[in-house]
C-alpha atoms as a PDB file:
ATOM      1  CA  MET A   1       0.000   0.000   0.000  1.00  0.00           C
ATOM      2  CA  ALA A   2       1.289   3.427  -0.835  1.00  0.00           C
ATOM      3  CA  TYR A   3       2.116   6.087   1.710  1.00  0.00           C
ATOM      4  CA  ALA A   4      -1.044   8.050   0.840  1.00  0.00           C
ATOM      5  CA  GLY A   5      -3.254   4.955   1.292  1.00  0.00           C
ATOM      6  CA  VAL A   6      -1.853   4.256   4.743  1.00  0.00           C
ATOM      7  CA  GLN A   7      -2.388   7.866   5.682  1.00  0.00           C
ATOM      8  CA  ARG A   8      -6.023   7.699   4.460  1.00  0.00           C
ATOM      9  CA  TYR A   9      -7.093   4.385   6.034  1.00  0.00           C
ATOM     10  CA  ALA A  10      -4.930   4.006   9.182  1.00  0.00           C
ATOM     11  CA  ASP A  11      -5.695   5.544  12.535  1.00  0.00           C
ATOM     12  CA  ARG A  12      -3.559   8.379  13.766  1.00  0.00           C
ATOM     13  CA  ALA A  13      -1.314   6.373  16.094  1.00  0.00           C
ATOM     14  CA  THR A  14      -0.623   3.733  13.483  1.00  0.00           C
ATOM     15  CA  PHE A  15       0.108   6.336  10.859  1.00  0.00           C
ATOM     16  CA  GLU A  16       2.587   8.143  13.140  1.00  0.00           C
ATOM     17  CA  LYS A  17       4.515   4.903  13.703  1.00  0.00           C
ATOM     18  CA  TYR A  18       4.416   4.215   9.993  1.00  0.00           C
ATOM     19  CA  ASP A  19       5.505   7.720   9.174  1.00  0.00           C
ATOM     20  CA  MET A  20       8.482   7.454  11.627  1.00  0.00           C
ATOM     21  CA  ARG A  21       9.446   4.102  10.130  1.00  0.00           C
ATOM     22  CA  VAL A  22       9.378   5.489   6.625  1.00  0.00           C
ATOM     23  CA  LEU A  23      11.481   8.448   7.796  1.00  0.00           C
ATOM     24  CA  GLU A  24      14.017   6.184   9.495  1.00  0.00           C
ATOM     25  CA  ASP A  25      14.196   4.013   6.379  1.00  0.00           C
ATOM     26  CA  ALA A  26      14.904   7.131   4.377  1.00  0.00           C
ATOM     27  CA  TRP A  27      17.560   8.253   6.844  1.00  0.00           C
ATOM     28  CA  SER A  28      19.192   4.857   7.093  1.00  0.00           C
ATOM     29  CA  SER A  29      20.172   5.097   3.499  1.00  0.00           C
ATOM     30  CA  ASP A  30      22.255   8.174   4.448  1.00  0.00           C
ATOM     31  CA  PRO A  31      25.775   7.120   5.574  1.00  0.00           C
ATOM     32  CA  ARG A  32      25.653   9.817   8.254  1.00  0.00           C
ATOM     33  CA  PHE A  33      22.632   8.230   9.962  1.00  0.00           C
ATOM     34  CA  ILE A  34      23.162   6.384  13.254  1.00  0.00           C
ATOM     35  CA  ARG A  35      20.932   4.913  15.904  1.00  0.00           C
ATOM     36  CA  CYS A  36      21.656   5.343  19.642  1.00  0.00           C
ATOM     37  CA  PRO A  37      23.159   2.086  21.022  1.00  0.00           C
ATOM     38  CA  ASN A  38      21.539   2.744  24.412  1.00  0.00           C
ATOM     39  CA  SER A  39      18.777   0.131  24.732  1.00  0.00           C
ATOM     40  CA  ALA A  40      16.907   2.374  27.154  1.00  0.00           C
ATOM     41  CA  CYS A  41      16.720   5.167  24.590  1.00  0.00           C
ATOM     42  CA  SER A  42      13.909   5.629  22.028  1.00  0.00           C
ATOM     43  CA  PRO A  43      14.359   3.597  18.829  1.00  0.00           C
ATOM     44  CA  GLY A  44      15.042   6.667  16.745  1.00  0.00           C
ATOM     45  CA  GLY A  45      18.305   7.869  15.253  1.00  0.00           C
ATOM     46  CA  GLN A  46      20.078  10.993  14.089  1.00  0.00           C
ATOM     47  CA  ILE A  47      22.369  12.375  11.398  1.00  0.00           C
ATOM     48  CA  HIS A  48      25.997  12.887  12.574  1.00  0.00           C
ATOM     49  CA  GLU A  49      27.933  15.651  10.900  1.00  0.00           C
ATOM     50  CA  ASP A  50      31.551  14.596  10.365  1.00  0.00           C
ATOM     51  CA  ASP A  51      34.275  15.360   7.836  1.00  0.00           C
ATOM     52  CA  ASP A  52      35.501  12.948   5.196  1.00  0.00           C
ATOM     53  CA  ASP A  53      38.472  11.872   7.348  1.00  0.00           C
ATOM     54  CA  GLY A  54      36.274  10.863  10.268  1.00  0.00           C
ATOM     55  CA  ARG A  55      38.100  13.111  12.714  1.00  0.00           C
ATOM     56  CA  TYR A  56      34.959  13.679  14.802  1.00  0.00           C
ATOM     57  CA  PRO A  57      33.635  10.193  15.625  1.00  0.00           C
ATOM     58  CA  ILE A  58      31.986  11.065  18.947  1.00  0.00           C
ATOM     59  CA  VAL A  59      28.181  11.256  18.746  1.00  0.00           C
ATOM     60  CA  THR A  60      25.949  12.647  21.492  1.00  0.00           C
ATOM     61  CA  CYS A  61      22.416  11.269  21.457  1.00  0.00           C
ATOM     62  CA  VAL A  62      19.876  14.053  21.208  1.00  0.00           C
ATOM     63  CA  THR A  63      17.461  12.021  23.333  1.00  0.00           C
ATOM     64  CA  CYS A  64      19.492  10.413  26.179  1.00  0.00           C
ATOM     65  CA  HIS A  65      22.649  12.501  25.727  1.00  0.00           C
ATOM     66  CA  GLN A  66      24.854   9.430  25.867  1.00  0.00           C
ATOM     67  CA  LYS A  67      28.114   9.637  23.922  1.00  0.00           C
ATOM     68  CA  PHE A  68      28.896   6.833  21.504  1.00  0.00           C
ATOM     69  CA  CYS A  69      31.241   6.064  18.616  1.00  0.00           C
ATOM     70  CA  PHE A  70      29.929   6.752  15.136  1.00  0.00           C
ATOM     71  CA  ARG A  71      32.402   4.294  13.609  1.00  0.00           C
ATOM     72  CA  HIS A  72      31.974   1.347  15.956  1.00  0.00           C
ATOM     73  CA  LYS A  73      28.318   2.001  16.929  1.00  0.00           C
ATOM     74  CA  VAL A  74      29.117   1.437  20.622  1.00  0.00           C
ATOM     75  CA  ALA A  75      29.363   3.617  23.692  1.00  0.00           C
ATOM     76  CA  TRP A  76      32.379   5.866  23.411  1.00  0.00           C
ATOM     77  CA  HIS A  77      35.525   3.812  24.084  1.00  0.00           C
ATOM     78  CA  GLY A  78      36.994   6.004  26.793  1.00  0.00           C
ATOM     79  CA  THR A  79      40.525   7.262  26.231  1.00  0.00           C
ATOM     80  CA  MET A  80      41.100   5.083  23.143  1.00  0.00           C
ATOM     81  CA  THR A  81      40.951   6.461  19.648  1.00  0.00           C
ATOM     82  CA  CYS A  82      39.091   4.485  17.006  1.00  0.00           C
ATOM     83  CA  GLY A  83      42.366   3.064  15.693  1.00  0.00           C
ATOM     84  CA  GLU A  84      43.393   2.047  19.197  1.00  0.00           C
ATOM     85  CA  TYR A  85      39.964   0.528  19.747  1.00  0.00           C
ATOM     86  CA  ASP A  86      40.449  -1.533  16.588  1.00  0.00           C
ATOM     87  CA  ALA A  87      43.824  -2.698  17.912  1.00  0.00           C
ATOM     88  CA  PHE A  88      42.201  -3.520  21.251  1.00  0.00           C
ATOM     89  CA  LEU A  89      39.589  -5.597  19.485  1.00  0.00           C
ATOM     90  CA  ARG A  90      42.329  -7.470  17.613  1.00  0.00           C
ATOM     91  CA  ASP A  91      44.513  -8.192  20.723  1.00  0.00           C
ATOM     92  CA  PRO A  92      42.784  -7.181  23.932  1.00  0.00           C
ATOM     93  CA  VAL A  93      45.400  -8.979  26.105  1.00  0.00           C
ATOM     94  CA  ASN A  94      48.512  -7.214  24.860  1.00  0.00           C
ATOM     95  CA  PHE A  95      46.894  -3.968  23.841  1.00  0.00           C
ATOM     96  CA  ARG A  96      48.271  -0.689  25.187  1.00  0.00           C
ATOM     97  CA  SER A  97      46.531   2.488  24.191  1.00  0.00           C
ATOM     98  CA  ARG A  98      48.132   5.840  23.565  1.00  0.00           C
ATOM     99  CA  PHE A  99      46.687   6.893  26.865  1.00  0.00           C
ATOM    100  CA  ASP A 100      48.267   3.900  28.571  1.00  0.00           C
ATOM    101  CA  VAL A 101      51.567   4.613  26.860  1.00  0.00           C
ATOM    102  CA  GLU A 102      51.319   8.236  27.912  1.00  0.00           C
ATOM    103  CA  ASN A 103      50.455   7.218  31.438  1.00  0.00           C
ATOM    104  CA  GLU A 104      53.413   4.875  31.484  1.00  0.00           C
ATOM    105  CA  ARG A 105      55.649   7.645  30.155  1.00  0.00           C
ATOM    106  CA  VAL A 106      54.301  10.044  32.750  1.00  0.00           C
ATOM    107  CA  GLU A 107      54.788   7.402  35.426  1.00  0.00           C
ATOM    108  CA  ARG A 108      58.347   6.796  34.275  1.00  0.00           C
ATOM    109  CA  GLU A 109      58.998  10.525  34.352  1.00  0.00           C
ATOM    110  CA  ARG A 110      57.350  10.764  37.754  1.00  0.00           C
ATOM    111  CA  MET A 111      59.490   7.940  39.093  1.00  0.00           C
ATOM    112  CA  ALA A 112      62.579   9.462  37.505  1.00  0.00           C
ATOM    113  CA  GLU A 113      61.718  12.805  39.082  1.00  0.00           C
ATOM    114  CA  LYS A 114      61.121  11.060  42.380  1.00  0.00           C
ATOM    115  CA  ARG A 115      64.508   9.370  42.122  1.00  0.00           C
ATOM    116  CA  ARG A 116      66.092  12.686  41.169  1.00  0.00           C
ATOM    117  CA  LEU A 117      64.491  14.431  44.130  1.00  0.00           C
ATOM    118  CA  ARG A 118      65.517  11.559  46.401  1.00  0.00           C
ATOM    119  CA  ALA A 119      69.054  11.808  45.051  1.00  0.00           C
ATOM    120  CA  LEU A 120      68.999  15.558  45.691  1.00  0.00           C
ATOM    121  CA  GLU A 121      67.689  14.960  49.198  1.00  0.00           C
ATOM    122  CA  ASP A 122      70.374  12.331  49.770  1.00  0.00           C
ATOM    123  CA  ALA A 123      73.004  14.704  48.404  1.00  0.00           C
ATOM    124  CA  ASP A 124      71.686  17.521  50.602  1.00  0.00           C
ATOM    125  CA  ARG A 125      71.612  15.199  53.599  1.00  0.00           C
ATOM    126  CA  MET A 126      75.135  13.977  52.878  1.00  0.00           C
ATOM    127  CA  PHE A 127      76.311  17.564  52.403  1.00  0.00           C
ATOM    128  CA  ALA A 128      74.640  18.618  55.640  1.00  0.00           C
ATOM    129  CA  GLN A 129      76.195  15.600  57.361  1.00  0.00           C
ATOM    130  CA  SER A 130      79.584  16.519  55.936  1.00  0.00           C
ATOM    131  CA  LEU A 131      79.138  20.065  57.248  1.00  0.00           C
ATOM    132  CA  ILE A 132      78.198  18.686  60.656  1.00  0.00           C
ATOM    133  CA  GLU A 133      81.202  16.358  60.602  1.00  0.00           C
ATOM    134  CA  GLU A 134      83.464  19.194  59.487  1.00  0.00           C
ATOM    135  CA  GLU A 135      82.063  21.348  62.287  1.00  0.00           C
ATOM    136  CA  GLN A 136      82.620  18.504  64.743  1.00  0.00           C
ATOM    137  CA  VAL A 137      86.168  18.022  63.447  1.00  0.00           C
ATOM    138  CA  ARG A 138      86.781  21.774  63.653  1.00  0.00           C
ATOM    139  CA  ALA A 139      85.294  21.934  67.153  1.00  0.00           C
ATOM    140  CA  GLU A 140      87.380  18.925  68.234  1.00  0.00           C
ATOM    141  CA  ALA A 141      90.478  20.488  66.675  1.00  0.00           C
ATOM    142  CA  GLU A 142      89.779  23.746  68.511  1.00  0.00           C
ATOM    143  CA  ALA A 143      89.166  21.848  71.742  1.00  0.00           C
ATOM    144  CA  GLN A 144      92.388  19.875  71.237  1.00  0.00           C
ATOM    145  CA  ALA A 145      94.250  23.083  70.443  1.00  0.00           C
ATOM    146  CA  ALA A 146      92.757  24.675  73.568  1.00  0.00           C
ATOM    147  CA  ARG A 147      93.810  21.670  75.670  1.00  0.00           C
ATOM    148  CA  GLU A 148      97.299  21.754  74.191  1.00  0.00           C
ATOM    149  CA  ARG A 149      97.461  25.518  74.741  1.00  0.00           C
ATOM    150  CA  GLN A 150      96.366  25.069  78.364  1.00  0.00           C
ATOM    151  CA  MET A 151      98.925  22.303  78.843  1.00  0.00           C
ATOM    152  CA  ARG A 152     101.595  24.433  77.195  1.00  0.00           C
ATOM    153  CA  GLU A 153     100.655  27.476  79.275  1.00  0.00           C
ATOM    154  CA  ALA A 154     100.615  25.329  82.420  1.00  0.00           C
ATOM    155  CA  ALA A 155     104.044  23.938  81.538  1.00  0.00           C
ATOM    156  CA  GLU A 156     105.337  27.430  80.751  1.00  0.00           C
ATOM    157  CA  ARG A 157     103.837  28.749  83.988  1.00  0.00           C
ATOM    158  CA  LYS A 158     105.399  25.880  85.920  1.00  0.00           C
ATOM    159  CA  GLU A 159     108.738  26.469  84.220  1.00  0.00           C
ATOM    160  CA  ARG A 160     108.436  30.196  84.852  1.00  0.00           C
ATOM    161  CA  GLU A 161     107.573  29.602  88.518  1.00  0.00           C
ATOM    162  CA  LYS A 162     110.496  27.190  88.736  1.00  0.00           C
ATOM    163  CA  LYS A 163     112.837  29.780  87.237  1.00  0.00           C
ATOM    164  CA  GLU A 164     111.398  32.485  89.491  1.00  0.00           C
ATOM    165  CA  LYS A 165     111.871  30.184  92.468  1.00  0.00           C
ATOM    166  CA  GLU A 166     115.412  29.386  91.371  1.00  0.00           C
ATOM    167  CA  GLU A 167     116.111  33.074  90.773  1.00  0.00           C
ATOM    168  CA  ALA A 168     114.609  33.911  94.171  1.00  0.00           C
ATOM    169  CA  GLY A 169     116.770  31.181  95.716  1.00  0.00           C
ATOM    170  CA  ARG A 170     119.844  32.498  93.938  1.00  0.00           C
ATOM    171  CA  ALA A 171     118.898  36.022  95.010  1.00  0.00           C
ATOM    172  CA  ARG A 172     118.547  34.847  98.621  1.00  0.00           C
ATOM    173  CA  LYS A 173     121.835  33.003  98.390  1.00  0.00           C
ATOM    174  CA  ALA A 174     123.469  36.032  96.789  1.00  0.00           C
ATOM    175  CA  ALA A 175     121.968  38.252  99.488  1.00  0.00           C
ATOM    176  CA  ALA A 176     123.153  35.823 102.159  1.00  0.00           C
ATOM    177  CA  VAL A 177     126.617  35.697 100.580  1.00  0.00           C
ATOM    178  CA  GLN A 178     126.656  39.478 100.302  1.00  0.00           C
ATOM    179  CA  LYS A 179     125.495  39.801 103.878  1.00  0.00           C
ATOM    180  CA  ARG A 180     128.103  37.290 104.980  1.00  0.00           C
ATOM    181  CA  ARG A 181     130.748  39.164 103.002  1.00  0.00           C
ATOM    182  CA  GLU A 182     129.627  42.435 104.536  1.00  0.00           C
ATOM    183  CA  GLU A 183     129.633  40.846 107.964  1.00  0.00           C
ATOM    184  CA  GLU A 184     133.039  39.325 107.283  1.00  0.00           C
ATOM    185  CA  ALA A 185     134.277  42.660 105.956  1.00  0.00           C
ATOM    186  CA  ALA A 186     132.886  44.402 109.030  1.00  0.00           C
ATOM    187  CA  SER A 187     134.369  41.674 111.195  1.00  0.00           C
ATOM    188  CA  LEU A 188     137.709  41.989 109.423  1.00  0.00           C
ATOM    189  CA  GLN A 189     137.516  45.741 109.818  1.00  0.00           C
ATOM    190  CA  THR A 190     136.699  45.296 113.478  1.00  0.00           C
ATOM    191  CA  VAL A 191     139.467  42.732 113.803  1.00  0.00           C
ATOM    192  CA  SER A 192     141.893  45.037 112.030  1.00  0.00           C
ATOM    193  CA  LYS A 193     140.982  47.791 114.469  1.00  0.00           C
ATOM    194  CA  THR A 194     140.922  45.737 117.644  1.00  0.00           C
ATOM    195  CA  THR A 195     143.508  43.027 116.947  1.00  0.00           C
ATOM    196  CA  LYS A 196     147.125  42.655 115.992  1.00  0.00           C
ATOM    197  CA  LYS A 197     148.970  39.645 114.646  1.00  0.00           C
ATOM    198  CA  CYS A 198     151.196  37.852 117.063  1.00  0.00           C
ATOM    199  CA  PRO A 199     154.879  38.388 116.049  1.00  0.00           C
ATOM    200  CA  GLY A 200     155.492  34.779 116.945  1.00  0.00           C
ATOM    201  CA  CYS A 201     152.719  32.941 115.001  1.00  0.00           C
ATOM    202  CA  ALA A 202     150.792  35.708 113.187  1.00  0.00           C
ATOM    203  CA  TRP A 203     147.580  34.726 114.949  1.00  0.00           C
ATOM    204  CA  PRO A 204     145.287  37.753 115.460  1.00  0.00           C
ATOM    205  CA  ILE A 205     145.019  38.790 119.098  1.00  0.00           C
ATOM    206  CA  GLU A 206     142.370  41.181 120.371  1.00  0.00           C
ATOM    207  CA  LYS A 207     143.456  43.880 122.800  1.00  0.00           C
ATOM    208  CA  ARG A 208     141.745  43.729 126.128  1.00  0.00           C
ATOM    209  CA  SER A 209     140.471  46.948 127.654  1.00  0.00           C
ATOM    210  CA  GLY A 210     142.921  48.940 129.759  1.00  0.00           C
ATOM    211  CA  TRP A 211     146.521  48.436 130.644  1.00  0.00           C
ATOM    212  CA  TYR A 212     147.852  46.416 133.445  1.00  0.00           C
ATOM    213  CA  GLN A 213     148.822  48.402 136.594  1.00  0.00           C
ATOM    214  CA  VAL A 214     151.670  46.655 138.376  1.00  0.00           C
ATOM    215  CA  SER A 215     153.012  47.212 141.880  1.00  0.00           C
ATOM    216  CA  PRO A 216     156.690  47.872 142.738  1.00  0.00           C
ATOM    217  CA  ARG A 217     156.953  44.277 143.932  1.00  0.00           C
ATOM    218  CA  VAL A 218     155.840  43.001 140.538  1.00  0.00           C
ATOM    219  CA  LEU A 219     158.254  45.364 138.821  1.00  0.00           C
ATOM    220  CA  LEU A 220     160.977  44.118 141.071  1.00  0.00           C
ATOM    221  CA  GLU A 221     160.164  40.553 140.092  1.00  0.00           C
ATOM    222  CA  LEU A 222     160.066  41.535 136.431  1.00  0.00           C
ATOM    223  CA  PHE A 223     162.992  43.899 136.126  1.00  0.00           C
ATOM    224  CA  GLY A 224     165.070  43.120 139.199  1.00  0.00           C
ATOM    225  CA  HIS A 225     164.894  46.733 140.327  1.00  0.00           C
ATOM    226  CA  VAL A 226     162.286  49.390 140.938  1.00  0.00           C
ATOM    227  CA  GLY A 227     162.858  52.896 139.790  1.00  0.00           C
ATOM    228  CA  HIS A 228     160.896  56.042 139.412  1.00  0.00           C
ATOM    229  CA  GLN A 229     160.602  55.342 135.715  1.00  0.00           C
ATOM    230  CA  ALA A 230     159.404  51.808 136.300  1.00  0.00           C
ATOM    231  CA  LEU A 231     156.930  52.875 138.920  1.00  0.00           C
ATOM    232  CA  SER A 232     155.267  55.247 136.524  1.00  0.00           C
ATOM    233  CA  MET A 233     155.036  52.611 133.734  1.00  0.00           C
ATOM    234  CA  ARG A 234     151.879  50.775 132.894  1.00  0.00           C
ATOM    235  CA  ILE A 235     152.412  47.290 131.663  1.00  0.00           C
ATOM    236  CA  ASN A 236     151.407  46.790 128.043  1.00  0.00           C
ATOM    237  CA  ARG A 237     152.309  43.148 127.812  1.00  0.00           C
ATOM    238  CA  TYR A 238     150.456  40.579 125.714  1.00  0.00           C
ATOM    239  CA  GLY A 239     151.052  36.943 124.870  1.00  0.00           C
ATOM    240  CA  GLY A 240     150.298  34.903 121.795  1.00  0.00           C
ATOM    241  CA  ILE A 241     147.378  32.515 122.171  1.00  0.00           C
ATOM    242  CA  ARG A 242     148.975  29.725 120.172  1.00  0.00           C
ATOM    243  CA  CYS A 243     152.690  30.148 120.630  1.00  0.00           C
ATOM    244  CA  LYS A 244     152.605  31.915 124.058  1.00  0.00           C
ATOM    245  CA  HIS A 245     154.981  34.549 122.719  1.00  0.00           C
ATOM    246  CA  GLU A 246     154.898  37.738 124.852  1.00  0.00           C
ATOM    247  CA  PHE A 247     155.216  41.129 123.216  1.00  0.00           C
ATOM    248  CA  CYS A 248     154.437  44.806 123.585  1.00  0.00           C
ATOM    249  CA  TRP A 249     151.035  45.696 122.144  1.00  0.00           C
ATOM    250  CA  ASP A 250     152.184  49.055 120.801  1.00  0.00           C
ATOM    251  CA  CYS A 251     155.510  48.180 119.206  1.00  0.00           C
ATOM    252  CA  LEU A 252     155.377  44.360 119.174  1.00  0.00           C
ATOM    253  CA  ALA A 253     158.750  44.187 120.896  1.00  0.00           C
ATOM    254  CA  ASP A 254     159.720  40.875 122.488  1.00  0.00           C
ATOM    255  CA  TYR A 255     158.935  41.102 126.175  1.00  0.00           C
ATOM    256  CA  ARG A 256     161.628  38.648 127.127  1.00  0.00           C
ATOM    257  CA  HIS A 257     164.294  41.221 126.304  1.00  0.00           C
ATOM    258  CA  ILE A 258     162.333  43.964 128.035  1.00  0.00           C
ATOM    259  CA  VAL A 259     162.003  41.820 131.172  1.00  0.00           C
ATOM    260  CA  LYS A 260     165.684  40.854 131.189  1.00  0.00           C
ATOM    261  CA  LYS A 261     166.958  44.325 130.418  1.00  0.00           C
ATOM    262  CA  ASP A 262     164.763  47.431 130.499  1.00  0.00           C
ATOM    263  CA  ASN A 263     162.295  49.478 128.456  1.00  0.00           C
ATOM    264  CA  SER A 264     164.941  50.535 126.017  1.00  0.00           C
ATOM    265  CA  PHE A 265     164.163  47.341 124.156  1.00  0.00           C
ATOM    266  CA  HIS A 266     160.825  48.850 123.080  1.00  0.00           C
ATOM    267  CA  LYS A 267     160.903  50.447 119.698  1.00  0.00           C
ATOM    268  CA  ARG A 268     162.048  54.041 119.777  1.00  0.00           C
ATOM    269  CA  SER A 269     158.608  55.172 118.600  1.00  0.00           C
ATOM    270  CA  CYS A 270     156.848  53.169 121.301  1.00  0.00           C
ATOM    271  CA  PRO A 271     155.416  55.283 124.096  1.00  0.00           C
ATOM    272  CA  HIS A 272     156.852  52.756 126.540  1.00  0.00           C
ATOM    273  CA  HIS A 273     160.414  53.233 125.425  1.00  0.00           C
ATOM    274  CA  SER A 274     162.526  54.415 128.335  1.00  0.00           C
ATOM    275  CA  LYS A 275     163.165  57.739 126.683  1.00  0.00           C
ATOM    276  CA  ASN A 276     159.453  58.308 126.094  1.00  0.00           C
ATOM    277  CA  VAL A 277     158.366  57.581 129.612  1.00  0.00           C
ATOM    278  CA  LYS A 278     158.008  60.696 131.749  1.00  0.00           C
ATOM    279  CA  GLY A 279     158.991  60.582 135.234  1.00  0.00           C
END
């Protein structure tokens, strides 16, 4: 029956279905026509505008808005291009899409960057550790130098104190020697003033205070006679400590001759010489 006959004799609902079927049959002859693969969608279709190279294969259903592939008549195959989807269909086990390859490349780069950052962190940590070790070595070297300096200063101080002590000891000894020399010099000076050497043995003899006063009897015993001159004489007679030699203190004349003879045996310059005695 022709289209006009169906329109004349069929009810409205039947004609609308028939009309849609005729339209779809007319569209299906167009290579751009495609039906939505979604089973829940209405059984209609639509014309997809694409270029001759098929660079725009994604179709969006005008009814359910689902995206599907114009070339493969299936829901859009995710991140795979149509060529990759063909390869996937040929070898789904070993297939790797451009997206997968890109992800793997990105992952490799990410891992490489991670390794690089880890290497940098390790290098930074090693550098920081080396700085810490260098600082520790420097601090230990400074501490060792300080200890050695303290030991050296202590040794120098000890040596200096030792030298100062030795110098002080030498100074005390020198002072003692000087004092002893001064005392000896003073003693010698005193001895030279208060002593004379014995003519017999040269031993120094100190003069006792005063002169001996003798009586006429003693003079008689000494000289065998007593005269006016003898009575007025004061004995100035000394004897050597070692050799017992007796002599005149003033002129060192031998008293043995004076005793046997008279005062003329004193030296002429002696105040006890007979010519120098008044009386």
